[in-house]
Amino acid sequence: KEITTIGNKWSDFQIREYKANAQPYYVLLDADGNRLNEPTAYDPDIESYLNWLEEGIKNYKNK
């Protein structure tokens, strides 16, 4: 598959790395590129998104 745009580049990366193609798609990583929690797609529920962020922060601090 020929990648001709920056959008195609990141879409291809997301499919290869995370087996998903959603916009937006959130992934929390540490400095070494390790996932801190499960990736998630857009969720309009603010409390749910905040809980997801806090889980990632907690996992980072517990490393």
C-alpha atoms as a PDB file:
ATOM      1  CA  LYS A   1       0.000   0.000   0.000  1.00  0.00           C
ATOM      2  CA  GLU A   2       1.423   3.348  -1.006  1.00  0.00           C
ATOM      3  CA  ILE A   3       1.243   6.072   1.608  1.00  0.00           C
ATOM      4  CA  THR A   4       0.820   9.439  -0.074  1.00  0.00           C
ATOM      5  CA  THR A   5      -0.275  11.780   2.739  1.00  0.00           C
ATOM      6  CA  ILE A   6       0.591  12.410   6.366  1.00  0.00           C
ATOM      7  CA  GLY A   7      -2.951  11.364   7.270  1.00  0.00           C
ATOM      8  CA  ASN A   8      -2.412   8.033   5.487  1.00  0.00           C
ATOM      9  CA  LYS A   9       0.882   7.609   7.364  1.00  0.00           C
ATOM     10  CA  TRP A  10      -0.723   7.972  10.804  1.00  0.00           C
ATOM     11  CA  SER A  11      -3.787   5.955   9.853  1.00  0.00           C
ATOM     12  CA  ASP A  12      -1.525   3.108   8.711  1.00  0.00           C
ATOM     13  CA  PHE A  13       0.533   3.376  11.926  1.00  0.00           C
ATOM     14  CA  GLN A  14      -2.597   3.221  14.079  1.00  0.00           C
ATOM     15  CA  ILE A  15      -3.888   0.144  12.265  1.00  0.00           C
ATOM     16  CA  ARG A  16      -0.522  -1.656  12.472  1.00  0.00           C
ATOM     17  CA  GLU A  17       0.215  -0.804  16.113  1.00  0.00           C
ATOM     18  CA  TYR A  18      -3.219  -0.833  17.713  1.00  0.00           C
ATOM     19  CA  LYS A  19      -5.467  -2.774  15.313  1.00  0.00           C
ATOM     20  CA  ALA A  20      -7.867   0.184  15.288  1.00  0.00           C
ATOM     21  CA  ASN A  21      -8.690   3.078  13.018  1.00  0.00           C
ATOM     22  CA  ALA A  22     -10.711   5.605  14.987  1.00  0.00           C
ATOM     23  CA  GLN A  23     -10.410   9.362  15.137  1.00  0.00           C
ATOM     24  CA  PRO A  24      -9.625  10.478  17.724  1.00  0.00           C
ATOM     25  CA  TYR A  25      -7.891   7.488  19.303  1.00  0.00           C
ATOM     26  CA  TYR A  26      -6.082   7.975  22.609  1.00  0.00           C
ATOM     27  CA  VAL A  27      -3.044   5.980  23.737  1.00  0.00           C
ATOM     28  CA  LEU A  28      -1.031   6.782  26.870  1.00  0.00           C
ATOM     29  CA  LEU A  29       2.621   5.762  26.598  1.00  0.00           C
ATOM     30  CA  ASP A  30       5.629   6.028  28.882  1.00  0.00           C
ATOM     31  CA  ALA A  31       8.960   7.422  27.667  1.00  0.00           C
ATOM     32  CA  ASP A  32       9.924   3.980  26.317  1.00  0.00           C
ATOM     33  CA  GLY A  33       6.739   3.618  24.266  1.00  0.00           C
ATOM     34  CA  ASN A  34       5.030   1.126  26.604  1.00  0.00           C
ATOM     35  CA  ARG A  35       1.267   1.444  26.999  1.00  0.00           C
ATOM     36  CA  LEU A  36       0.112   2.637  30.412  1.00  0.00           C
ATOM     37  CA  ASN A  37      -3.472   1.414  29.997  1.00  0.00           C
ATOM     38  CA  GLU A  38      -5.813   0.240  27.276  1.00  0.00           C
ATOM     39  CA  PRO A  39      -6.197   2.664  24.354  1.00  0.00           C
ATOM     40  CA  THR A  40      -9.596   4.230  23.876  1.00  0.00           C
ATOM     41  CA  ALA A  41     -11.537   5.965  21.148  1.00  0.00           C
ATOM     42  CA  TYR A  42     -13.553   9.130  21.620  1.00  0.00           C
ATOM     43  CA  ASP A  43     -16.051   9.009  24.471  1.00  0.00           C
ATOM     44  CA  PRO A  44     -18.219  12.089  25.131  1.00  0.00           C
ATOM     45  CA  ASP A  45     -18.538  11.068  28.805  1.00  0.00           C
ATOM     46  CA  ILE A  46     -16.120  13.420  30.569  1.00  0.00           C
ATOM     47  CA  GLU A  47     -16.050  11.362  33.776  1.00  0.00           C
ATOM     48  CA  SER A  48     -15.144   8.219  31.836  1.00  0.00           C
ATOM     49  CA  TYR A  49     -12.317  10.009  30.020  1.00  0.00           C
ATOM     50  CA  LEU A  50     -11.032  11.492  33.284  1.00  0.00           C
ATOM     51  CA  ASN A  51     -11.042   8.027  34.896  1.00  0.00           C
ATOM     52  CA  TRP A  52      -9.081   6.689  31.914  1.00  0.00           C
ATOM     53  CA  LEU A  53      -6.475   9.453  32.280  1.00  0.00           C
ATOM     54  CA  GLU A  54      -6.192   8.910  36.037  1.00  0.00           C
ATOM     55  CA  GLU A  55      -5.709   5.172  35.526  1.00  0.00           C
ATOM     56  CA  GLY A  56      -2.831   5.882  33.135  1.00  0.00           C
ATOM     57  CA  ILE A  57      -1.228   8.309  35.582  1.00  0.00           C
ATOM     58  CA  LYS A  58      -1.567   5.793  38.423  1.00  0.00           C
ATOM     59  CA  ASN A  59       0.003   3.051  36.292  1.00  0.00           C
ATOM     60  CA  TYR A  60       2.852   5.389  35.343  1.00  0.00           C
ATOM     61  CA  LYS A  61       3.573   6.250  38.971  1.00  0.00           C
ATOM     62  CA  ASN A  62       3.494   2.556  39.968  1.00  0.00           C
ATOM     63  CA  LYS A  63       6.126   1.538  37.399  1.00  0.00           C
END
